[in-house]
Amino acid sequence: ALTYRPYSTNKLVDDVLMGGCRSAEDYPSDKGVQLWRK
């Protein structure tokens, strides 16, 4: 999944967040959702 919000100090800049999971079988040590920001 992915969402975004404009920065409060600059409406021409977005804070983008993407998240999801990896296979629990292939990556049993994953603590939770894999999150990336841009």
PDB file of all heavy atoms in Angstrom:
ATOM      1  N   ALA A   1       0.850  -1.194   0.000  1.00  0.00           N
ATOM      2  CA  ALA A   1       0.000   0.000   0.000  1.00  0.00           C
ATOM      3  C   ALA A   1       0.882   1.239   0.000  1.00  0.00           C
ATOM      4  O   ALA A   1       2.071   1.171   0.332  1.00  0.00           O
ATOM      5  CB  ALA A   1      -0.919   0.005   1.216  1.00  0.00           C
ATOM      6  N   LEU A   2       0.296   2.371  -0.374  1.00  0.00           N
ATOM      7  CA  LEU A   2       1.056   3.626  -0.466  1.00  0.00           C
ATOM      8  C   LEU A   2       0.140   4.797  -0.170  1.00  0.00           C
ATOM      9  O   LEU A   2      -1.039   4.787  -0.533  1.00  0.00           O
ATOM     10  CB  LEU A   2       1.678   3.762  -1.856  1.00  0.00           C
ATOM     11  CG  LEU A   2       2.574   4.983  -2.122  1.00  0.00           C
ATOM     12  CD1 LEU A   2       3.728   4.604  -3.053  1.00  0.00           C
ATOM     13  CD2 LEU A   2       1.796   6.142  -2.728  1.00  0.00           C
ATOM     14  N   THR A   3       0.681   5.798   0.509  1.00  0.00           N
ATOM     15  CA  THR A   3      -0.042   7.041   0.742  1.00  0.00           C
ATOM     16  C   THR A   3       0.953   8.183   0.797  1.00  0.00           C
ATOM     17  O   THR A   3       2.176   7.972   0.763  1.00  0.00           O
ATOM     18  CB  THR A   3      -0.860   6.973   2.042  1.00  0.00           C
ATOM     19  OG1 THR A   3      -1.736   8.104   2.115  1.00  0.00           O
ATOM     20  CG2 THR A   3       0.046   6.968   3.272  1.00  0.00           C
ATOM     21  N   TYR A   4       0.461   9.402   0.896  1.00  0.00           N
ATOM     22  CA  TYR A   4       1.349  10.570   0.952  1.00  0.00           C
ATOM     23  C   TYR A   4       0.628  11.720   1.633  1.00  0.00           C
ATOM     24  O   TYR A   4      -0.601  11.725   1.786  1.00  0.00           O
ATOM     25  CB  TYR A   4       1.794  10.984  -0.450  1.00  0.00           C
ATOM     26  CG  TYR A   4       0.702  11.668  -1.252  1.00  0.00           C
ATOM     27  CD1 TYR A   4       0.616  13.063  -1.318  1.00  0.00           C
ATOM     28  CD2 TYR A   4      -0.261  10.920  -1.935  1.00  0.00           C
ATOM     29  CE1 TYR A   4      -0.402  13.682  -2.040  1.00  0.00           C
ATOM     30  CE2 TYR A   4      -1.270  11.529  -2.662  1.00  0.00           C
ATOM     31  CZ  TYR A   4      -1.342  12.905  -2.707  1.00  0.00           C
ATOM     32  OH  TYR A   4      -2.353  13.518  -3.411  1.00  0.00           O
ATOM     33  N   ARG A   5       1.422  12.711   2.038  1.00  0.00           N
ATOM     34  CA  ARG A   5       0.869  13.945   2.591  1.00  0.00           C
ATOM     35  C   ARG A   5       1.804  15.088   2.223  1.00  0.00           C
ATOM     36  O   ARG A   5       3.024  14.898   2.156  1.00  0.00           O
ATOM     37  CB  ARG A   5       0.733  13.843   4.116  1.00  0.00           C
ATOM     38  CG  ARG A   5       2.057  13.640   4.829  1.00  0.00           C
ATOM     39  CD  ARG A   5       1.915  13.520   6.320  1.00  0.00           C
ATOM     40  NE  ARG A   5       3.220  13.375   6.969  1.00  0.00           N
ATOM     41  CZ  ARG A   5       3.390  13.203   8.268  1.00  0.00           C
ATOM     42  NH1 ARG A   5       2.337  13.148   9.069  1.00  0.00           N
ATOM     43  NH2 ARG A   5       4.601  13.086   8.779  1.00  0.00           N
ATOM     44  N   PRO A   6       1.287  16.261   1.964  1.00  0.00           N
ATOM     45  CA  PRO A   6       2.158  17.420   1.709  1.00  0.00           C
ATOM     46  C   PRO A   6       2.883  17.826   2.983  1.00  0.00           C
ATOM     47  O   PRO A   6       2.339  17.692   4.085  1.00  0.00           O
ATOM     48  CB  PRO A   6       1.180  18.509   1.251  1.00  0.00           C
ATOM     49  CG  PRO A   6      -0.087  17.806   0.919  1.00  0.00           C
ATOM     50  CD  PRO A   6      -0.137  16.597   1.792  1.00  0.00           C
ATOM     51  N   TYR A   7       4.092  18.312   2.844  1.00  0.00           N
ATOM     52  CA  TYR A   7       4.806  18.842   3.996  1.00  0.00           C
ATOM     53  C   TYR A   7       4.077  20.095   4.486  1.00  0.00           C
ATOM     54  O   TYR A   7       3.614  20.919   3.684  1.00  0.00           O
ATOM     55  CB  TYR A   7       6.244  19.189   3.642  1.00  0.00           C
ATOM     56  CG  TYR A   7       7.200  18.027   3.759  1.00  0.00           C
ATOM     57  CD1 TYR A   7       7.422  17.167   2.685  1.00  0.00           C
ATOM     58  CD2 TYR A   7       7.874  17.767   4.945  1.00  0.00           C
ATOM     59  CE1 TYR A   7       8.289  16.086   2.784  1.00  0.00           C
ATOM     60  CE2 TYR A   7       8.746  16.696   5.062  1.00  0.00           C
ATOM     61  CZ  TYR A   7       8.945  15.866   3.979  1.00  0.00           C
ATOM     62  OH  TYR A   7       9.799  14.797   4.102  1.00  0.00           O
ATOM     63  N   SER A   8       3.987  20.258   5.789  1.00  0.00           N
ATOM     64  CA  SER A   8       3.277  21.406   6.354  1.00  0.00           C
ATOM     65  C   SER A   8       3.978  22.716   6.029  1.00  0.00           C
ATOM     66  O   SER A   8       3.346  23.774   5.982  1.00  0.00           O
ATOM     67  CB  SER A   8       3.150  21.249   7.874  1.00  0.00           C
ATOM     68  OG  SER A   8       4.429  21.130   8.478  1.00  0.00           O
ATOM     69  N   THR A   9       5.289  22.660   5.795  1.00  0.00           N
ATOM     70  CA  THR A   9       6.054  23.876   5.528  1.00  0.00           C
ATOM     71  C   THR A   9       6.184  24.189   4.051  1.00  0.00           C
ATOM     72  O   THR A   9       6.624  25.276   3.685  1.00  0.00           O
ATOM     73  CB  THR A   9       7.462  23.759   6.132  1.00  0.00           C
ATOM     74  OG1 THR A   9       8.093  22.572   5.614  1.00  0.00           O
ATOM     75  CG2 THR A   9       7.385  23.664   7.644  1.00  0.00           C
ATOM     76  N   ASN A  10       5.808  23.232   3.195  1.00  0.00           N
ATOM     77  CA  ASN A  10       5.945  23.446   1.750  1.00  0.00           C
ATOM     78  C   ASN A  10       4.967  22.535   1.028  1.00  0.00           C
ATOM     79  O   ASN A  10       5.155  21.326   0.960  1.00  0.00           O
ATOM     80  CB  ASN A  10       7.374  23.164   1.287  1.00  0.00           C
ATOM     81  CG  ASN A  10       7.619  23.615  -0.160  1.00  0.00           C
ATOM     82  OD1 ASN A  10       6.677  23.803  -0.923  1.00  0.00           O
ATOM     83  ND2 ASN A  10       8.868  23.781  -0.514  1.00  0.00           N
ATOM     84  N   LYS A  11       3.909  23.112   0.467  1.00  0.00           N
ATOM     85  CA  LYS A  11       2.880  22.329  -0.199  1.00  0.00           C
ATOM     86  C   LYS A  11       3.341  21.764  -1.538  1.00  0.00           C
ATOM     87  O   LYS A  11       2.614  20.978  -2.156  1.00  0.00           O
ATOM     88  CB  LYS A  11       1.628  23.192  -0.405  1.00  0.00           C
ATOM     89  CG  LYS A  11       1.023  23.716   0.893  1.00  0.00           C
ATOM     90  CD  LYS A  11       0.652  22.585   1.839  1.00  0.00           C
ATOM     91  CE  LYS A  11       0.013  23.119   3.124  1.00  0.00           C
ATOM     92  NZ  LYS A  11      -0.294  22.046   4.090  1.00  0.00           N
ATOM     93  N   LEU A  12       4.522  22.144  -1.988  1.00  0.00           N
ATOM     94  CA  LEU A  12       5.060  21.608  -3.239  1.00  0.00           C
ATOM     95  C   LEU A  12       6.000  20.434  -2.988  1.00  0.00           C
ATOM     96  O   LEU A  12       6.712  20.000  -3.905  1.00  0.00           O
ATOM     97  CB  LEU A  12       5.788  22.706  -4.015  1.00  0.00           C
ATOM     98  CG  LEU A  12       4.931  23.874  -4.497  1.00  0.00           C
ATOM     99  CD1 LEU A  12       5.785  24.903  -5.228  1.00  0.00           C
ATOM    100  CD2 LEU A  12       3.809  23.386  -5.398  1.00  0.00           C
ATOM    101  N   VAL A  13       5.980  19.914  -1.782  1.00  0.00           N
ATOM    102  CA  VAL A  13       6.816  18.767  -1.428  1.00  0.00           C
ATOM    103  C   VAL A  13       5.944  17.727  -0.739  1.00  0.00           C
ATOM    104  O   VAL A  13       5.228  18.032   0.214  1.00  0.00           O
ATOM    105  CB  VAL A  13       7.984  19.167  -0.501  1.00  0.00           C
ATOM    106  CG1 VAL A  13       8.828  17.944  -0.164  1.00  0.00           C
ATOM    107  CG2 VAL A  13       8.848  20.235  -1.166  1.00  0.00           C
ATOM    108  N   ASP A  14       5.996  16.482  -1.248  1.00  0.00           N
ATOM    109  CA  ASP A  14       5.226  15.388  -0.673  1.00  0.00           C
ATOM    110  C   ASP A  14       6.109  14.480   0.173  1.00  0.00           C
ATOM    111  O   ASP A  14       7.270  14.240  -0.164  1.00  0.00           O
ATOM    112  CB  ASP A  14       4.595  14.532  -1.778  1.00  0.00           C
ATOM    113  CG  ASP A  14       3.357  15.166  -2.368  1.00  0.00           C
ATOM    114  OD1 ASP A  14       2.810  16.091  -1.746  1.00  0.00           O
ATOM    115  OD2 ASP A  14       2.938  14.736  -3.469  1.00  0.00           O
ATOM    116  N   ASP A  15       5.525  13.964   1.242  1.00  0.00           N
ATOM    117  CA  ASP A  15       6.127  12.926   2.065  1.00  0.00           C
ATOM    118  C   ASP A  15       5.388  11.638   1.724  1.00  0.00           C
ATOM    119  O   ASP A  15       4.231  11.456   2.100  1.00  0.00           O
ATOM    120  CB  ASP A  15       5.968  13.281   3.549  1.00  0.00           C
ATOM    121  CG  ASP A  15       6.667  12.288   4.470  1.00  0.00           C
ATOM    122  OD1 ASP A  15       7.424  11.443   3.966  1.00  0.00           O
ATOM    123  OD2 ASP A  15       6.450  12.372   5.688  1.00  0.00           O
ATOM    124  N   VAL A  16       6.055  10.742   0.993  1.00  0.00           N
ATOM    125  CA  VAL A  16       5.410   9.533   0.482  1.00  0.00           C
ATOM    126  C   VAL A  16       5.827   8.335   1.330  1.00  0.00           C
ATOM    127  O   VAL A  16       7.005   8.164   1.642  1.00  0.00           O
ATOM    128  CB  VAL A  16       5.784   9.290  -0.996  1.00  0.00           C
ATOM    129  CG1 VAL A  16       4.996   8.112  -1.555  1.00  0.00           C
ATOM    130  CG2 VAL A  16       5.523  10.536  -1.836  1.00  0.00           C
ATOM    131  N   LEU A  17       4.853   7.516   1.697  1.00  0.00           N
ATOM    132  CA  LEU A  17       5.118   6.324   2.500  1.00  0.00           C
ATOM    133  C   LEU A  17       4.565   5.097   1.780  1.00  0.00           C
ATOM    134  O   LEU A  17       3.391   5.063   1.385  1.00  0.00           O
ATOM    135  CB  LEU A  17       4.458   6.448   3.876  1.00  0.00           C
ATOM    136  CG  LEU A  17       4.648   5.261   4.821  1.00  0.00           C
ATOM    137  CD1 LEU A  17       6.103   5.180   5.294  1.00  0.00           C
ATOM    138  CD2 LEU A  17       3.706   5.369   6.022  1.00  0.00           C
ATOM    139  N   MET A  18       5.412   4.076   1.612  1.00  0.00           N
ATOM    140  CA  MET A  18       5.005   2.805   1.021  1.00  0.00           C
ATOM    141  C   MET A  18       5.280   1.698   2.024  1.00  0.00           C
ATOM    142  O   MET A  18       6.294   1.713   2.731  1.00  0.00           O
ATOM    143  CB  MET A  18       5.789   2.536  -0.269  1.00  0.00           C
ATOM    144  CG  MET A  18       5.487   1.173  -0.897  1.00  0.00           C
ATOM    145  SD  MET A  18       6.460   0.855  -2.396  1.00  0.00           S
ATOM    146  CE  MET A  18       8.127   0.816  -1.711  1.00  0.00           C
ATOM    147  N   GLY A  19       4.373   0.740   2.112  1.00  0.00           N
ATOM    148  CA  GLY A  19       4.560  -0.356   3.041  1.00  0.00           C
ATOM    149  C   GLY A  19       3.964  -1.645   2.526  1.00  0.00           C
ATOM    150  O   GLY A  19       3.152  -1.658   1.594  1.00  0.00           O
ATOM    151  N   GLY A  20       4.372  -2.724   3.117  1.00  0.00           N
ATOM    152  CA  GLY A  20       3.873  -4.045   2.767  1.00  0.00           C
ATOM    153  C   GLY A  20       4.701  -5.104   3.476  1.00  0.00           C
ATOM    154  O   GLY A  20       5.585  -4.777   4.277  1.00  0.00           O
ATOM    155  N   CYS A  21       4.419  -6.344   3.199  1.00  0.00           N
ATOM    156  CA  CYS A  21       5.139  -7.436   3.853  1.00  0.00           C
ATOM    157  C   CYS A  21       5.917  -8.281   2.838  1.00  0.00           C
ATOM    158  O   CYS A  21       5.650  -8.234   1.640  1.00  0.00           O
ATOM    159  CB  CYS A  21       4.152  -8.335   4.605  1.00  0.00           C
ATOM    160  SG  CYS A  21       3.243  -7.491   5.920  1.00  0.00           S
ATOM    161  N   ARG A  22       6.864  -9.012   3.355  1.00  0.00           N
ATOM    162  CA  ARG A  22       7.537 -10.058   2.582  1.00  0.00           C
ATOM    163  C   ARG A  22       7.036 -11.414   3.072  1.00  0.00           C
ATOM    164  O   ARG A  22       6.465 -11.514   4.157  1.00  0.00           O
ATOM    165  CB  ARG A  22       9.048  -9.951   2.732  1.00  0.00           C
ATOM    166  CG  ARG A  22       9.618  -8.644   2.233  1.00  0.00           C
ATOM    167  CD  ARG A  22      11.136  -8.657   2.148  1.00  0.00           C
ATOM    168  NE  ARG A  22      11.784  -8.809   3.454  1.00  0.00           N
ATOM    169  CZ  ARG A  22      13.101  -8.833   3.629  1.00  0.00           C
ATOM    170  NH1 ARG A  22      13.916  -8.714   2.587  1.00  0.00           N
ATOM    171  NH2 ARG A  22      13.611  -8.970   4.848  1.00  0.00           N
ATOM    172  N   SER A  23       7.246 -12.420   2.277  1.00  0.00           N
ATOM    173  CA  SER A  23       6.772 -13.750   2.624  1.00  0.00           C
ATOM    174  C   SER A  23       7.304 -14.173   3.987  1.00  0.00           C
ATOM    175  O   SER A  23       8.513 -14.127   4.242  1.00  0.00           O
ATOM    176  CB  SER A  23       7.219 -14.759   1.559  1.00  0.00           C
ATOM    177  OG  SER A  23       7.001 -16.085   2.007  1.00  0.00           O
ATOM    178  N   ALA A  24       6.392 -14.588   4.871  1.00  0.00           N
ATOM    179  CA  ALA A  24       6.794 -15.031   6.209  1.00  0.00           C
ATOM    180  C   ALA A  24       7.631 -16.296   6.139  1.00  0.00           C
ATOM    181  O   ALA A  24       8.485 -16.539   6.997  1.00  0.00           O
ATOM    182  CB  ALA A  24       5.555 -15.253   7.073  1.00  0.00           C
ATOM    183  N   GLU A  25       7.392 -17.106   5.113  1.00  0.00           N
ATOM    184  CA  GLU A  25       8.179 -18.334   4.958  1.00  0.00           C
ATOM    185  C   GLU A  25       9.600 -18.020   4.516  1.00  0.00           C
ATOM    186  O   GLU A  25      10.561 -18.628   5.003  1.00  0.00           O
ATOM    187  CB  GLU A  25       7.501 -19.262   3.955  1.00  0.00           C
ATOM    188  CG  GLU A  25       6.149 -19.797   4.430  1.00  0.00           C
ATOM    189  CD  GLU A  25       5.524 -20.720   3.407  1.00  0.00           C
ATOM    190  OE1 GLU A  25       6.162 -20.943   2.341  1.00  0.00           O
ATOM    191  OE2 GLU A  25       4.419 -21.226   3.662  1.00  0.00           O
ATOM    192  N   ASP A  26       9.737 -17.069   3.581  1.00  0.00           N
ATOM    193  CA  ASP A  26      11.067 -16.729   3.073  1.00  0.00           C
ATOM    194  C   ASP A  26      11.826 -15.817   4.027  1.00  0.00           C
ATOM    195  O   ASP A  26      13.064 -15.843   4.066  1.00  0.00           O
ATOM    196  CB  ASP A  26      10.948 -16.054   1.707  1.00  0.00           C
ATOM    197  CG  ASP A  26      10.358 -16.978   0.650  1.00  0.00           C
ATOM    198  OD1 ASP A  26      10.460 -18.212   0.837  1.00  0.00           O
ATOM    199  OD2 ASP A  26       9.778 -16.467  -0.333  1.00  0.00           O
ATOM    200  N   TYR A  27      11.091 -14.982   4.791  1.00  0.00           N
ATOM    201  CA  TYR A  27      11.742 -14.021   5.693  1.00  0.00           C
ATOM    202  C   TYR A  27      11.109 -14.110   7.084  1.00  0.00           C
ATOM    203  O   TYR A  27      10.419 -13.195   7.542  1.00  0.00           O
ATOM    204  CB  TYR A  27      11.612 -12.606   5.148  1.00  0.00           C
ATOM    205  CG  TYR A  27      12.240 -12.407   3.786  1.00  0.00           C
ATOM    206  CD1 TYR A  27      11.486 -12.533   2.614  1.00  0.00           C
ATOM    207  CD2 TYR A  27      13.597 -12.107   3.670  1.00  0.00           C
ATOM    208  CE1 TYR A  27      12.073 -12.355   1.365  1.00  0.00           C
ATOM    209  CE2 TYR A  27      14.189 -11.932   2.429  1.00  0.00           C
ATOM    210  CZ  TYR A  27      13.425 -12.064   1.288  1.00  0.00           C
ATOM    211  OH  TYR A  27      14.008 -11.895   0.041  1.00  0.00           O
ATOM    212  N   PRO A  28      11.341 -15.221   7.778  1.00  0.00           N
ATOM    213  CA  PRO A  28      10.721 -15.403   9.100  1.00  0.00           C
ATOM    214  C   PRO A  28      11.220 -14.423  10.150  1.00  0.00           C
ATOM    215  O   PRO A  28      10.567 -14.245  11.186  1.00  0.00           O
ATOM    216  CB  PRO A  28      11.103 -16.845   9.465  1.00  0.00           C
ATOM    217  CG  PRO A  28      12.350 -17.107   8.683  1.00  0.00           C
ATOM    218  CD  PRO A  28      12.183 -16.359   7.393  1.00  0.00           C
ATOM    219  N   SER A  29      12.371 -13.775   9.910  1.00  0.00           N
ATOM    220  CA  SER A  29      12.915 -12.839  10.901  1.00  0.00           C
ATOM    221  C   SER A  29      12.355 -11.433  10.755  1.00  0.00           C
ATOM    222  O   SER A  29      12.648 -10.564  11.584  1.00  0.00           O
ATOM    223  CB  SER A  29      14.443 -12.790  10.796  1.00  0.00           C
ATOM    224  OG  SER A  29      14.841 -12.312   9.522  1.00  0.00           O
ATOM    225  N   ASP A  30      11.547 -11.175   9.726  1.00  0.00           N
ATOM    226  CA  ASP A  30      10.958  -9.840   9.573  1.00  0.00           C
ATOM    227  C   ASP A  30      10.085  -9.512  10.782  1.00  0.00           C
ATOM    228  O   ASP A  30       9.185 -10.278  11.147  1.00  0.00           O
ATOM    229  CB  ASP A  30      10.103  -9.769   8.307  1.00  0.00           C
ATOM    230  CG  ASP A  30      10.938  -9.579   7.046  1.00  0.00           C
ATOM    231  OD1 ASP A  30      12.175  -9.477   7.172  1.00  0.00           O
ATOM    232  OD2 ASP A  30      10.358  -9.534   5.946  1.00  0.00           O
ATOM    233  N   LYS A  31      10.349  -8.352  11.398  1.00  0.00           N
ATOM    234  CA  LYS A  31       9.603  -7.955  12.588  1.00  0.00           C
ATOM    235  C   LYS A  31       8.219  -7.412  12.262  1.00  0.00           C
ATOM    236  O   LYS A  31       7.324  -7.425  13.103  1.00  0.00           O
ATOM    237  CB  LYS A  31      10.402  -6.910  13.368  1.00  0.00           C
ATOM    238  CG  LYS A  31      11.719  -7.431  13.935  1.00  0.00           C
ATOM    239  CD  LYS A  31      12.427  -6.331  14.711  1.00  0.00           C
ATOM    240  CE  LYS A  31      13.734  -6.819  15.277  1.00  0.00           C
ATOM    241  NZ  LYS A  31      13.534  -7.918  16.243  1.00  0.00           N
ATOM    242  N   GLY A  32       8.061  -6.893  11.054  1.00  0.00           N
ATOM    243  CA  GLY A  32       6.767  -6.322  10.725  1.00  0.00           C
ATOM    244  C   GLY A  32       6.717  -5.849   9.285  1.00  0.00           C
ATOM    245  O   GLY A  32       7.362  -6.422   8.400  1.00  0.00           O
ATOM    246  N   VAL A  33       5.954  -4.781   9.064  1.00  0.00           N
ATOM    247  CA  VAL A  33       5.772  -4.217   7.729  1.00  0.00           C
ATOM    248  C   VAL A  33       7.076  -3.596   7.244  1.00  0.00           C
ATOM    249  O   VAL A  33       7.766  -2.902   8.001  1.00  0.00           O
ATOM    250  CB  VAL A  33       4.644  -3.165   7.752  1.00  0.00           C
ATOM    251  CG1 VAL A  33       4.558  -2.424   6.426  1.00  0.00           C
ATOM    252  CG2 VAL A  33       3.306  -3.823   8.092  1.00  0.00           C
ATOM    253  N   GLN A  34       7.414  -3.841   5.964  1.00  0.00           N
ATOM    254  CA  GLN A  34       8.563  -3.205   5.331  1.00  0.00           C
ATOM    255  C   GLN A  34       8.132  -1.816   4.864  1.00  0.00           C
ATOM    256  O   GLN A  34       7.272  -1.684   3.989  1.00  0.00           O
ATOM    257  CB  GLN A  34       9.046  -4.028   4.141  1.00  0.00           C
ATOM    258  CG  GLN A  34       9.427  -5.465   4.476  1.00  0.00           C
ATOM    259  CD  GLN A  34      10.646  -5.529   5.374  1.00  0.00           C
ATOM    260  OE1 GLN A  34      10.519  -5.826   6.557  1.00  0.00           O
ATOM    261  NE2 GLN A  34      11.816  -5.246   4.826  1.00  0.00           N
ATOM    262  N   LEU A  35       8.728  -0.781   5.447  1.00  0.00           N
ATOM    263  CA  LEU A  35       8.332   0.596   5.161  1.00  0.00           C
ATOM    264  C   LEU A  35       9.438   1.329   4.406  1.00  0.00           C
ATOM    265  O   LEU A  35      10.621   1.198   4.729  1.00  0.00           O
ATOM    266  CB  LEU A  35       8.006   1.347   6.448  1.00  0.00           C
ATOM    267  CG  LEU A  35       6.767   0.878   7.216  1.00  0.00           C
ATOM    268  CD1 LEU A  35       6.688   1.578   8.560  1.00  0.00           C
ATOM    269  CD2 LEU A  35       5.494   1.127   6.404  1.00  0.00           C
ATOM    270  N   TRP A  36       9.016   2.103   3.410  1.00  0.00           N
ATOM    271  CA  TRP A  36       9.927   2.942   2.626  1.00  0.00           C
ATOM    272  C   TRP A  36       9.329   4.337   2.526  1.00  0.00           C
ATOM    273  O   TRP A  36       8.103   4.495   2.421  1.00  0.00           O
ATOM    274  CB  TRP A  36      10.119   2.378   1.224  1.00  0.00           C
ATOM    275  CG  TRP A  36      10.896   1.090   1.165  1.00  0.00           C
ATOM    276  CD1 TRP A  36      10.442  -0.160   1.478  1.00  0.00           C
ATOM    277  CD2 TRP A  36      12.251   0.935   0.755  1.00  0.00           C
ATOM    278  NE1 TRP A  36      11.421  -1.087   1.299  1.00  0.00           N
ATOM    279  CE2 TRP A  36      12.559  -0.449   0.848  1.00  0.00           C
ATOM    280  CE3 TRP A  36      13.244   1.817   0.314  1.00  0.00           C
ATOM    281  CZ2 TRP A  36      13.802  -0.959   0.514  1.00  0.00           C
ATOM    282  CZ3 TRP A  36      14.489   1.307  -0.025  1.00  0.00           C
ATOM    283  CH2 TRP A  36      14.771  -0.064   0.073  1.00  0.00           C
ATOM    284  N   ARG A  37      10.214   5.348   2.563  1.00  0.00           N
ATOM    285  CA  ARG A  37       9.765   6.737   2.432  1.00  0.00           C
ATOM    286  C   ARG A  37      10.509   7.441   1.311  1.00  0.00           C
ATOM    287  O   ARG A  37      11.649   7.113   0.996  1.00  0.00           O
ATOM    288  CB  ARG A  37       9.993   7.510   3.743  1.00  0.00           C
ATOM    289  CG  ARG A  37       9.094   7.099   4.875  1.00  0.00           C
ATOM    290  CD  ARG A  37       9.401   7.895   6.125  1.00  0.00           C
ATOM    291  NE  ARG A  37       9.137   9.316   5.951  1.00  0.00           N
ATOM    292  CZ  ARG A  37       9.379  10.242   6.885  1.00  0.00           C
ATOM    293  NH1 ARG A  37       9.920   9.883   8.042  1.00  0.00           N
ATOM    294  NH2 ARG A  37       9.108  11.509   6.667  1.00  0.00           N
ATOM    295  N   LYS A  38       9.805   8.419   0.736  1.00  0.00           N
ATOM    296  CA  LYS A  38      10.419   9.233  -0.314  1.00  0.00           C
ATOM    297  C   LYS A  38       9.925  10.661  -0.196  1.00  0.00           C
ATOM    298  O   LYS A  38       8.737  10.905   0.053  1.00  0.00           O
ATOM    299  CB  LYS A  38      10.074   8.691  -1.709  1.00  0.00           C
ATOM    300  CG  LYS A  38      10.721   9.467  -2.846  1.00  0.00           C
ATOM    301  CD  LYS A  38      10.263   8.956  -4.207  1.00  0.00           C
ATOM    302  CE  LYS A  38      10.931   9.746  -5.337  1.00  0.00           C
ATOM    303  NZ  LYS A  38      10.457   9.333  -6.671  1.00  0.00           N
TER     304      LYS A  38
END
